[in-house]
Amino acid sequence: MRWLNIKQLKQKRFVVIISVTILIITVLSSLNLYITYSNTKKTIELTIASQATSTAHAVLNNFNTSIYEEYLQNQDSITNRLNLEKELERAKSQTDAVYVYILKKDNQNQPILLADGFPRLDLTTLDDCCKFYKIPNKEFTEKTPFTSRVNDGDNETYIMSGVPINGSKGQVIGSLVVEIGVAKVKQITDEVLNNSWTFFLFSSCFVFFAFSIFIAFQIWYRKEVTSQVGEAEETYQGEFQSMLQTMRSIRHDFINHIQVIQGLLKIGREDRAFEYVNSLSKEVETMELPIKIKHPALYILLQTKWARAQNDKVDMHLLIDDHQFSKIKSIDLIKIFSNLIDNAFDATFSLPELDRFISVEATVTPTAYIFKVENIGPTISEDQLTKIFQVGFSTKTERNGIPRGDGLSIVKQVVNKYSGQISVQSQKNTTCFIVQIPVKS
C-alpha cells in the first residue's frame, strides 16, 4: 500500500511538472511573438520617422526662406500669407511629401501653425493662422531636428518629424514639419509580418520539437526508472542533463538568429530577412534524426546525440539496423552507446570543425549484436589501451576538479554481463570501439 501511495504521488508530481512546463512554454512563446511584433512595429516607426526627417530636409532645400521671412515681418498681410502658402506648396511638390507645414513657438512657448501648403484663393482673414489642433509631445523644438508622436482631437495618432528653418542671418525662425499617419505604420508592419509567417512557423515548430523531445524523454525516463534503480537512474539523469545542455546551446543560437532578423528589419531589408528565415527553416529540418529506429530508448538517445552533433558541427554518421534489440535491456543498451558516444565527442572536439567525425553502428547477425562507435581524434597509445577499461582511468583531464574515467569501465561491466566482447582499435588519428553481444535465435 505504501508503495502504491508513493507511485501515485510520483504520478501526480509528473502531471504537475508537465502542466507547468506546458504553461511556461505557452507563456514564453506568446511573449516571444509579442516582443517580436512590438520590436518590428517600433523599428518601422523609427524608419518612417527617419524617412520623414529626410523628406523635411528635401522640402526645406527647395523652399525659398526669404518669402517666409517677409511674412514674419508683416503677418497681417494676406498677400504675404498666400505667397508663403504657395511657396510651401511648390517646395512640397518637388518631393513625395503629403502633409507639410511650418510651426513656430509663440510667447507662451506653444506651437502655432503658420502655413500648411494649401493656398486658399478666397482667403480674406488671417484668423485661422494660429489654430493647431494637434497636441505635440515635449520632443517638439525649433532649434534642432525632432521626431514626435502627436494626437488630434479625434484621438488619431501621427508621427511628426521636423527640421529647423534658418533665416538669412543664421537664426532659427521656425520648424518645417513632415507628418505621417500611424495607420501607414500599422499597414507596413502587417505586411512585414505577413511576409515573415515562415519565421513564426519556425518558432512554433522549434518550441513544439523541443517540447516533444522533453515529453518523450520524460515518458521513457519514467518507464525505465520504474524497472531500474540506482545505476539506471544515474544514467538517465546524465543523458537528461546532456539534452538540456544541447537545448540551451540551440536556444542561444536561436536568440542570435532573432537578433539578426530584427537587425535586417531595422535597416529596412525585409527581403533579406525573409531569405534568412527561409534558410533557418531548412536548418531546423537537419535537427531531426535522418533514420528510423524501432527501439524507443535508443531512438531518444540518438536523437539527443544527433542534435548535439548538429549544434557542435560534428559530422555524424548513423547505421542502425531495423531491429528491436530485444535481447539486451534498454538500460544496458543506453549505457553502452551513451558512454562510447560521449567519449567520441570528447575526442573529436579537440579537432577543427571541418575534421570532426563520429560514426555509430548497430547491426544484427544471426548470433550477435555488433555495436561500433568510431571517431577521428587523438590516437590512444598501446600502453593506454591496456588500462582504459579500468575504473577511474582516463586519458582526459579532470573537469572542475572531478576525476573522469568511469564510462568505459561501465561499458565493460555491461559487456561482461552478457558474456560479450569489447575491443578497441586506435591508429592514424582514428579510434573505433567494437562491442559484440552474443544472442540466441
Protein backbone atom coordinates (compact mmCIF):
# COMPACT_ATOMS: atom_id res chain seq x y z
CA MET A 1 0.00 0.00 0.00
CA ARG A 2 2.80 2.40 0.85
CA TRP A 3 4.50 1.65 -2.48
CA LEU A 4 1.21 2.37 -4.24
CA ASN A 5 0.88 5.73 -2.49
CA ILE A 6 4.43 6.65 -3.44
CA LYS A 7 3.73 5.71 -7.05
CA GLN A 8 0.55 7.81 -7.11
CA LEU A 9 2.45 10.73 -5.58
CA LYS A 10 5.11 10.46 -8.29
CA GLN A 11 2.42 10.33 -10.98
CA LYS A 12 0.76 13.47 -9.59
CA ARG A 13 4.13 15.18 -9.43
CA PHE A 14 4.81 14.20 -13.02
CA VAL A 15 1.45 15.64 -14.13
CA VAL A 16 2.20 18.87 -12.28
CA ILE A 17 5.63 19.13 -13.91
CA ILE A 18 4.19 18.57 -17.38
CA SER A 19 1.38 21.09 -16.76
CA VAL A 20 3.79 23.73 -15.50
CA THR A 21 6.10 23.06 -18.45
CA ILE A 22 3.26 23.47 -20.94
CA LEU A 23 2.23 26.72 -19.22
CA ILE A 24 5.77 28.09 -19.25
CA ILE A 25 6.33 27.18 -22.90
CA THR A 26 2.99 28.74 -23.87
CA VAL A 27 3.75 31.94 -21.97
CA LEU A 28 7.28 32.21 -23.34
CA SER A 29 6.12 31.53 -26.90
CA SER A 30 3.37 34.16 -26.62
CA LEU A 31 5.82 36.63 -25.08
CA ASN A 32 8.30 35.95 -27.86
CA LEU A 33 5.69 36.64 -30.55
CA TYR A 34 4.51 39.79 -28.76
CA ILE A 35 8.05 41.14 -28.35
CA THR A 36 8.83 40.36 -31.99
CA TYR A 37 5.69 42.20 -33.14
CA SER A 38 6.38 45.19 -30.86
CA ASN A 39 10.01 45.46 -31.91
CA THR A 40 9.06 45.19 -35.57
CA LYS A 41 6.46 47.93 -35.19
CA LYS A 42 8.84 50.17 -33.28
CA THR A 43 11.59 49.61 -35.85
CA ILE A 44 9.24 50.51 -38.70
CA GLU A 45 8.06 53.62 -36.85
CA LEU A 46 11.68 54.73 -36.39
CA THR A 47 12.39 54.01 -40.04
CA ILE A 48 9.37 56.04 -41.18
CA ALA A 49 10.32 58.87 -38.82
CA SER A 50 13.82 58.88 -40.29
CA GLN A 51 12.38 58.97 -43.81
CA ALA A 52 10.10 61.83 -42.77
CA THR A 53 13.10 63.76 -41.46
CA SER A 54 14.90 63.23 -44.77
CA THR A 55 11.79 64.39 -46.62
CA ALA A 56 11.61 67.51 -44.42
CA HIS A 57 15.22 68.35 -45.34
CA ALA A 58 14.38 67.82 -49.03
CA VAL A 59 11.39 70.19 -48.81
CA LEU A 60 13.47 72.77 -46.95
CA ASN A 61 16.16 72.62 -49.65
CA ASN A 62 13.53 73.57 -52.23
CA PHE A 63 11.93 76.22 -50.02
CA ASN A 64 12.58 79.96 -50.52
CA THR A 65 13.23 81.10 -46.99
CA SER A 66 13.11 84.80 -47.93
CA ILE A 67 9.37 84.56 -48.65
CA TYR A 68 8.87 83.14 -45.17
CA GLU A 69 10.94 85.97 -43.66
CA GLU A 70 8.82 88.55 -45.49
CA TYR A 71 5.72 87.00 -43.98
CA LEU A 72 7.22 87.09 -40.48
CA GLN A 73 7.95 90.81 -40.92
CA ASN A 74 4.32 91.52 -41.82
CA GLN A 75 1.98 88.74 -40.68
CA ASP A 76 -1.10 90.93 -41.19
CA SER A 77 -0.63 90.90 -44.97
CA ILE A 78 -2.95 88.47 -46.76
CA THR A 79 -0.67 88.65 -49.80
CA ASN A 80 2.34 87.59 -47.76
CA ARG A 81 0.32 84.70 -46.33
CA LEU A 82 -0.79 83.50 -49.78
CA ASN A 83 2.77 83.79 -51.11
CA LEU A 84 4.04 81.71 -48.18
CA GLU A 85 1.40 79.03 -48.75
CA LYS A 86 2.14 78.90 -52.48
CA GLU A 87 5.89 78.66 -51.86
CA LEU A 88 5.43 75.87 -49.34
CA GLU A 89 3.14 74.05 -51.79
CA ARG A 90 5.72 74.46 -54.58
CA ALA A 91 8.57 73.15 -52.40
CA LYS A 92 6.41 70.26 -51.25
CA SER A 93 5.52 69.29 -54.82
CA GLN A 94 9.21 68.72 -55.55
CA THR A 95 9.16 65.75 -53.16
CA ASP A 96 6.79 62.89 -52.30
CA ALA A 97 5.59 64.63 -49.12
CA VAL A 98 1.84 64.94 -48.49
CA TYR A 99 1.43 66.76 -45.18
CA VAL A 100 3.94 69.55 -44.64
CA TYR A 101 3.56 72.65 -42.51
CA ILE A 102 5.50 75.30 -40.66
CA LEU A 103 5.35 75.56 -36.86
CA LYS A 104 6.69 78.31 -34.64
CA LYS A 105 6.53 78.78 -30.89
CA ASP A 106 4.55 81.74 -29.53
CA ASN A 107 5.22 83.82 -26.45
CA GLN A 108 3.77 81.06 -24.25
CA ASN A 109 6.19 78.55 -25.81
CA GLN A 110 3.31 76.78 -27.58
CA PRO A 111 3.42 75.75 -31.26
CA ILE A 112 1.41 77.79 -33.72
CA LEU A 113 0.66 76.88 -37.32
CA LEU A 114 1.91 79.44 -39.84
CA ALA A 115 1.43 77.59 -43.14
CA ASP A 116 0.24 74.17 -44.29
CA GLY A 117 0.94 74.32 -48.03
CA PHE A 118 -2.72 74.58 -49.10
CA PRO A 119 -3.26 78.09 -50.58
CA ARG A 120 -6.79 79.49 -50.22
CA LEU A 121 -7.60 81.90 -53.04
CA ASP A 122 -10.62 83.24 -51.17
CA LEU A 123 -8.60 84.00 -48.05
CA THR A 124 -9.89 87.25 -46.59
CA THR A 125 -8.91 86.85 -42.95
CA LEU A 126 -5.93 85.54 -41.02
CA ASP A 127 -7.88 84.34 -38.00
CA ASP A 128 -7.22 80.66 -38.69
CA CYS A 129 -3.45 81.04 -38.99
CA CYS A 130 -2.74 80.03 -35.43
CA LYS A 131 -5.13 77.12 -34.90
CA PHE A 132 -3.04 73.98 -34.39
CA TYR A 133 -5.49 71.31 -33.24
CA LYS A 134 -2.90 68.58 -32.55
CA ILE A 135 -1.17 68.00 -29.23
CA PRO A 136 2.59 67.52 -29.74
CA ASN A 137 4.77 65.78 -27.19
CA LYS A 138 7.61 67.51 -25.38
CA GLU A 139 10.03 66.47 -28.17
CA PHE A 140 8.90 69.47 -30.27
CA THR A 141 11.61 72.08 -30.65
CA GLU A 142 12.57 74.68 -33.20
CA LYS A 143 16.32 74.67 -32.77
CA THR A 144 17.09 71.02 -33.53
CA PRO A 145 15.55 68.26 -35.66
CA PHE A 146 12.88 66.34 -33.72
CA THR A 147 10.56 63.37 -34.03
CA SER A 148 7.36 63.16 -32.01
CA ARG A 149 4.01 61.42 -31.71
CA VAL A 150 1.02 63.74 -31.76
CA ASN A 151 -2.68 63.25 -31.10
CA ASP A 152 -5.52 65.25 -32.60
CA GLY A 153 -8.94 65.88 -31.16
CA ASP A 154 -10.31 62.64 -32.66
CA ASN A 155 -7.71 60.51 -30.83
CA GLU A 156 -5.87 59.87 -34.08
CA THR A 157 -2.12 59.36 -33.73
CA TYR A 158 0.54 60.72 -36.08
CA ILE A 159 4.31 60.84 -36.40
CA MET A 160 5.87 64.29 -36.86
CA SER A 161 9.44 64.92 -37.96
CA GLY A 162 10.69 68.48 -38.12
CA VAL A 163 13.86 70.35 -39.06
CA PRO A 164 14.79 73.94 -38.10
CA ILE A 165 14.43 76.78 -40.62
CA ASN A 166 17.36 79.20 -40.55
CA GLY A 167 16.92 82.82 -41.57
CA SER A 168 19.23 84.91 -43.67
CA LYS A 169 21.18 85.88 -40.57
CA GLY A 170 21.56 82.27 -39.40
CA GLN A 171 18.95 82.49 -36.66
CA VAL A 172 16.24 79.82 -36.25
CA ILE A 173 12.89 81.23 -37.36
CA GLY A 174 10.65 78.17 -37.21
CA SER A 175 10.39 74.44 -37.88
CA LEU A 176 9.39 72.74 -41.13
CA VAL A 177 7.42 69.61 -40.23
CA VAL A 178 6.51 66.49 -42.23
CA GLU A 179 3.64 64.37 -40.88
CA ILE A 180 2.84 60.68 -41.46
CA GLY A 181 -0.17 58.82 -40.07
CA VAL A 182 0.48 55.80 -37.85
CA ALA A 183 -2.10 53.90 -39.89
CA LYS A 184 0.64 53.62 -42.50
CA VAL A 185 2.98 52.23 -39.85
CA LYS A 186 0.43 49.54 -38.95
CA GLN A 187 -0.10 48.71 -42.62
CA ILE A 188 3.64 48.26 -43.26
CA THR A 189 4.03 46.29 -40.02
CA ASP A 190 1.26 43.91 -41.05
CA GLU A 191 2.83 43.47 -44.48
CA VAL A 192 6.23 42.65 -42.96
CA LEU A 193 4.71 40.20 -40.50
CA ASN A 194 2.64 38.54 -43.23
CA ASN A 195 5.81 38.08 -45.26
CA SER A 196 7.54 36.62 -42.18
CA TRP A 197 4.98 33.92 -41.39
CA THR A 198 7.60 31.24 -42.04
CA PHE A 199 9.69 32.72 -39.23
CA PHE A 200 6.80 32.39 -36.79
CA LEU A 201 6.12 28.89 -38.10
CA PHE A 202 9.77 28.04 -37.49
CA SER A 203 9.49 29.41 -33.92
CA SER A 204 6.39 27.33 -33.24
CA CYS A 205 7.93 24.18 -34.74
CA PHE A 206 11.09 24.68 -32.72
CA VAL A 207 9.15 25.02 -29.46
CA PHE A 208 6.99 22.01 -30.35
CA PHE A 209 10.06 19.98 -31.31
CA ALA A 210 11.84 20.83 -28.04
CA PHE A 211 8.74 20.10 -26.01
CA SER A 212 8.11 16.81 -27.84
CA ILE A 213 11.64 15.65 -27.07
CA PHE A 214 11.16 16.69 -23.47
CA ILE A 215 7.86 14.79 -23.13
CA ALA A 216 9.17 11.70 -24.96
CA PHE A 217 12.26 11.65 -22.80
CA GLN A 218 10.19 12.09 -19.64
CA ILE A 219 7.89 9.18 -20.53
CA TRP A 220 10.82 6.96 -21.42
CA TYR A 221 12.67 8.04 -18.31
CA ARG A 222 9.74 7.17 -16.02
CA LYS A 223 9.21 3.72 -17.55
CA GLU A 224 12.86 2.80 -17.23
CA VAL A 225 13.25 4.16 -13.72
CA THR A 226 10.22 2.09 -12.65
CA SER A 227 12.09 -1.11 -13.58
CA GLN A 228 15.61 0.02 -12.78
CA VAL A 229 17.11 1.76 -9.73
CA GLY A 230 20.45 3.10 -8.60
CA GLU A 231 22.81 2.96 -11.54
CA ALA A 232 19.95 3.19 -14.05
CA GLU A 233 18.69 6.47 -12.55
CA GLU A 234 22.18 7.96 -12.69
CA THR A 235 22.49 7.05 -16.37
CA TYR A 236 19.23 8.71 -17.37
CA GLN A 237 19.94 11.80 -15.28
CA GLY A 238 23.24 12.18 -17.10
CA GLU A 239 21.57 11.90 -20.51
CA PHE A 240 18.84 14.31 -19.49
CA GLN A 241 21.42 16.90 -18.44
CA SER A 242 23.21 16.38 -21.75
CA MET A 243 19.98 17.02 -23.64
CA LEU A 244 19.25 20.16 -21.61
CA GLN A 245 22.76 21.44 -22.32
CA THR A 246 22.21 20.86 -26.02
CA MET A 247 18.83 22.60 -25.94
CA ARG A 248 20.34 25.57 -24.08
CA SER A 249 23.01 25.85 -26.74
CA ILE A 250 20.37 25.67 -29.51
CA ARG A 251 18.30 28.31 -27.70
CA HIS A 252 21.35 30.59 -27.56
CA ASP A 253 21.82 30.25 -31.32
CA PHE A 254 18.09 30.81 -31.82
CA ILE A 255 18.25 34.13 -29.94
CA ASN A 256 21.15 35.18 -32.17
CA HIS A 257 19.03 34.36 -35.25
CA ILE A 258 16.21 36.56 -33.92
CA GLN A 259 18.63 39.43 -33.36
CA VAL A 260 19.91 39.12 -36.94
CA ILE A 261 16.34 39.20 -38.30
CA GLN A 262 15.49 42.23 -36.16
CA GLY A 263 18.64 43.96 -37.38
CA LEU A 264 17.67 43.36 -41.00
CA LEU A 265 14.21 44.77 -40.33
CA LYS A 266 15.72 47.83 -38.63
CA ILE A 267 17.69 48.73 -41.74
CA GLY A 268 14.67 48.12 -43.93
CA ARG A 269 15.92 44.92 -45.58
CA GLU A 270 12.73 42.91 -45.31
CA ASP A 271 13.73 40.89 -48.38
CA ARG A 272 16.96 39.73 -46.74
CA ALA A 273 15.09 38.97 -43.52
CA PHE A 274 12.67 36.79 -45.48
CA GLU A 275 15.60 34.93 -47.11
CA TYR A 276 17.23 34.46 -43.71
CA VAL A 277 14.04 32.96 -42.29
CA ASN A 278 13.85 30.54 -45.23
CA SER A 279 17.41 29.39 -44.55
CA LEU A 280 16.52 28.82 -40.88
CA SER A 281 13.53 26.73 -41.89
CA LYS A 282 15.85 24.45 -43.86
CA GLU A 283 18.35 24.32 -41.00
CA VAL A 284 15.76 23.19 -38.44
CA GLU A 285 14.97 20.18 -40.64
CA THR A 286 18.54 18.91 -40.12
CA MET A 287 17.86 18.60 -36.36
CA GLU A 288 15.57 15.61 -36.98
CA LEU A 289 17.13 12.15 -36.86
CA PRO A 290 17.61 11.10 -40.52
CA ILE A 291 16.80 7.41 -39.96
CA LYS A 292 14.02 5.38 -38.35
CA ILE A 293 14.86 3.41 -35.21
CA LYS A 294 12.48 0.84 -33.74
CA HIS A 295 13.96 0.78 -30.26
CA PRO A 296 12.33 3.71 -28.35
CA ALA A 297 15.13 4.28 -25.84
CA LEU A 298 17.84 4.08 -28.49
CA TYR A 299 15.85 6.47 -30.68
CA ILE A 300 15.65 9.09 -27.94
CA LEU A 301 19.34 8.73 -27.11
CA LEU A 302 20.48 9.03 -30.73
CA GLN A 303 18.10 11.95 -31.34
CA THR A 304 19.74 13.79 -28.46
CA LYS A 305 23.25 12.96 -29.69
CA TRP A 306 22.30 13.89 -33.26
CA ALA A 307 21.05 17.30 -32.11
CA ARG A 308 24.28 17.77 -30.18
CA ALA A 309 26.34 16.83 -33.24
CA GLN A 310 24.46 19.28 -35.47
CA ASN A 311 24.84 22.05 -32.91
CA ASP A 312 28.57 21.39 -32.31
CA LYS A 313 29.39 20.97 -36.01
CA VAL A 314 30.27 17.28 -35.83
CA ASP A 315 29.83 15.12 -38.95
CA MET A 316 27.85 12.20 -37.51
CA HIS A 317 27.02 9.06 -39.49
CA LEU A 318 24.43 6.53 -38.30
CA LEU A 319 23.90 2.95 -39.44
CA ILE A 320 21.22 1.26 -37.32
CA ASP A 321 19.54 -1.99 -38.36
CA ASP A 322 15.75 -2.13 -38.38
CA HIS A 323 15.63 -4.20 -35.20
CA GLN A 324 14.28 -4.05 -31.64
CA PHE A 325 17.49 -5.34 -29.97
CA SER A 326 15.19 -7.10 -27.53
CA LYS A 327 17.87 -9.49 -26.22
CA ILE A 328 19.53 -6.69 -24.28
CA LYS A 329 17.86 -4.50 -21.67
CA SER A 330 17.20 -0.89 -22.64
CA ILE A 331 19.21 0.44 -19.72
CA ASP A 332 22.24 -1.63 -20.75
CA LEU A 333 21.93 -0.64 -24.39
CA ILE A 334 21.88 3.02 -23.36
CA LYS A 335 24.89 2.55 -21.07
CA ILE A 336 26.94 1.16 -23.95
CA PHE A 337 26.07 3.79 -26.54
CA SER A 338 25.88 6.84 -24.28
CA ASN A 339 29.35 6.29 -22.82
CA LEU A 340 31.01 5.37 -26.11
CA ILE A 341 29.41 8.29 -27.99
CA ASP A 342 30.24 10.77 -25.22
CA ASN A 343 33.87 9.64 -25.31
CA ALA A 344 33.85 10.05 -29.09
CA PHE A 345 32.52 13.61 -28.75
CA ASP A 346 35.22 14.48 -26.22
CA ALA A 347 37.90 13.14 -28.54
CA THR A 348 36.69 14.84 -31.71
CA PHE A 349 36.21 18.24 -30.01
CA SER A 350 40.00 18.63 -29.97
CA LEU A 351 39.91 18.95 -33.78
CA PRO A 352 38.81 21.82 -36.05
CA GLU A 353 35.11 21.74 -37.01
CA LEU A 354 35.85 20.53 -40.56
CA ASP A 355 37.66 17.43 -39.23
CA ARG A 356 35.14 16.34 -36.59
CA PHE A 357 33.68 12.94 -37.41
CA ILE A 358 31.76 10.26 -35.50
CA SER A 359 30.26 7.05 -36.83
CA VAL A 360 27.71 4.96 -34.88
CA GLU A 361 26.62 1.49 -35.99
CA ALA A 362 24.25 -1.09 -34.52
CA THR A 363 23.95 -4.20 -36.68
CA VAL A 364 22.48 -7.65 -36.15
CA THR A 365 23.84 -11.02 -37.21
CA PRO A 366 22.26 -14.43 -36.56
CA THR A 367 24.48 -14.88 -33.50
CA ALA A 368 25.30 -11.42 -32.16
CA TYR A 369 24.58 -7.71 -31.86
CA ILE A 370 27.53 -5.69 -33.12
CA PHE A 371 27.88 -2.10 -31.91
CA LYS A 372 30.57 0.19 -33.31
CA VAL A 373 31.47 3.77 -32.37
CA GLU A 374 34.28 5.34 -34.38
CA ASN A 375 35.72 8.85 -34.25
CA ILE A 376 38.55 10.92 -35.62
CA GLY A 377 40.73 12.29 -32.84
CA PRO A 378 43.88 11.71 -30.79
CA THR A 379 45.33 8.21 -31.08
CA ILE A 380 45.28 6.09 -27.91
CA SER A 381 48.74 4.70 -27.18
CA GLU A 382 49.41 0.99 -26.79
CA ASP A 383 50.16 1.49 -23.10
CA GLN A 384 46.83 3.24 -22.53
CA LEU A 385 44.87 0.63 -24.46
CA THR A 386 45.61 -1.89 -21.70
CA LYS A 387 44.26 0.46 -18.98
CA ILE A 388 41.29 2.33 -20.44
CA PHE A 389 38.72 -0.16 -19.11
CA GLN A 390 39.99 0.16 -15.54
CA VAL A 391 37.76 2.03 -13.08
CA GLY A 392 38.97 5.62 -12.65
CA PHE A 393 41.49 5.56 -15.51
CA SER A 394 41.04 8.22 -18.19
CA THR A 395 43.06 9.82 -20.96
CA LYS A 396 41.12 13.06 -20.33
CA THR A 397 41.96 15.75 -17.81
CA GLU A 398 39.81 16.37 -14.75
CA ARG A 399 36.81 18.66 -15.20
CA ASN A 400 36.18 21.17 -12.39
CA GLY A 401 38.37 19.03 -10.11
CA ILE A 402 36.18 15.93 -10.65
CA PRO A 403 38.01 12.75 -11.78
CA ARG A 404 36.85 11.15 -15.03
CA GLY A 405 37.18 7.62 -16.33
CA ASP A 406 34.18 5.55 -15.28
CA GLY A 407 32.48 5.46 -18.69
CA LEU A 408 34.45 2.65 -20.32
CA SER A 409 34.51 0.60 -17.13
CA ILE A 410 30.68 0.75 -17.08
CA VAL A 411 30.60 -0.39 -20.71
CA LYS A 412 32.96 -3.24 -19.84
CA GLN A 413 30.71 -4.34 -16.96
CA VAL A 414 27.64 -4.41 -19.24
CA VAL A 415 29.53 -6.39 -21.90
CA ASN A 416 30.69 -8.92 -19.31
CA LYS A 417 27.13 -9.20 -18.00
CA TYR A 418 26.06 -10.58 -21.42
CA SER A 419 29.25 -12.62 -21.92
CA GLY A 420 30.20 -10.35 -24.78
CA GLN A 421 33.44 -8.89 -26.05
CA ILE A 422 34.73 -5.34 -26.45
CA SER A 423 37.75 -4.34 -28.48
CA VAL A 424 39.35 -1.07 -29.50
CA GLN A 425 41.44 -0.10 -32.50
CA SER A 426 43.30 3.22 -32.44
CA GLN A 427 45.69 4.23 -35.19
CA LYS A 428 46.27 7.09 -37.63
CA ASN A 429 44.11 9.50 -35.56
CA THR A 430 41.12 7.15 -35.75
CA THR A 431 39.69 5.23 -32.79
CA CYS A 432 36.99 2.55 -33.07
CA PHE A 433 35.27 0.67 -30.24
CA ILE A 434 33.56 -2.60 -31.20
CA VAL A 435 31.12 -4.38 -28.89
CA GLN A 436 29.77 -7.86 -29.63
CA ILE A 437 26.83 -9.16 -27.61
CA PRO A 438 26.00 -12.82 -28.32
CA VAL A 439 22.31 -13.63 -28.85
CA LYS A 440 20.36 -16.84 -29.28
CA SER A 441 17.87 -17.17 -32.09
